Amino acid sequence: MAKDWKEIKAVQEVADLSYKMWDRGWDEANGGNISYILTDEEAAELEYTPGTGRKITLVEGIPDGVRGKYILVTATMSYFRELRDDLDHLIGIVYIPEEGDDYEVVRGLEGNSRPSSEFGSHLGVHAVRLAADPEQRVVMHNHATHVLAMQHVAPIDEKEFTLCLWRMISEGIIMLPDGIGYVPWCVCGNKEIMDKTIESMRTHRVVLWGYHGLLTTGKSMHDAFGLLELIDKICEAWLLAEAAGRKNPGISDEGLMELCEFFGVTPREGYLNV
């Protein structure tokens, strides 16, 4: 007998974390979206027969790297403050076919609901992150308040923005040695932002969308959410320091390299002068 899909751990985590993100002001109204690639065991428990679900065409085209996967995704226009109370309509599981660009609704997304309008970007990011690390399963997009504010006053060059974060707190380079990718402002949901995001995600786990929000990825929901928490906290600290009339430069390049050597991580090439 097929398992109740709403009992899958990842579904419960999305219900919990989406509410937390709304409660912190990071996903107002229908802002934000989350997707997760089911494990083979989780997919098998659904006992789904490909070809039997409602079909939806992905206009952007389905990347080969996610074919055959089952993906949990929040619905377009879903309000994160309501999601945990209406899983049947505001989240669902879709099957990505081995051929063609019509994916299939397996569970949830009732009432003709559809995945997030940025689902094409999610699939593209999943494909490149899987190529980099087969354990990467999560893509999380949000409008973290302090990250948005910092974009209006800090350098938005990838290197300089990353260095701002690294110098604020030791955990910055420890948790994010690959730095932050940056995609200049684009119309959200279109092919331009999708293509630029996919390219940046080839070598980053986190990408900043100019004057829009942040995408974090990870091996689990809490991995991706943890990166979001860390980055928003550092951005908040940076803004407070600037407002107070910053007097100190933060962690030096030499200090950052010492942290990398001690914790066994490799900083992004070319970012430190040591």
Foldseek 3Di string as FASTA:
>chain_A
DADDLCPPPQNVVLLVVLQVCVVQVWAAQQRKKKKFWDDPVSVVSLVDDPPPFDKDFDVVAADQQCAQIKMKMFFARDRSNCCNVAVQQGIFIWHHHNDHRIIGTSGGNPPVTHGHLQVLLVRLLVSLVCVVPVLWTMKIKTRQPLVLVLLVPFDQDQLRVLVLLVQQDVVSCVLFQLGEAEDEADPPSDPVVSVSSSVRSNRGQKYAYHNGTIMGIGSGPVSRVVVVVSVSVSSVVSVVCVVVPNDDDGQALVRNVVSCVVSVHHHHPPNGDD
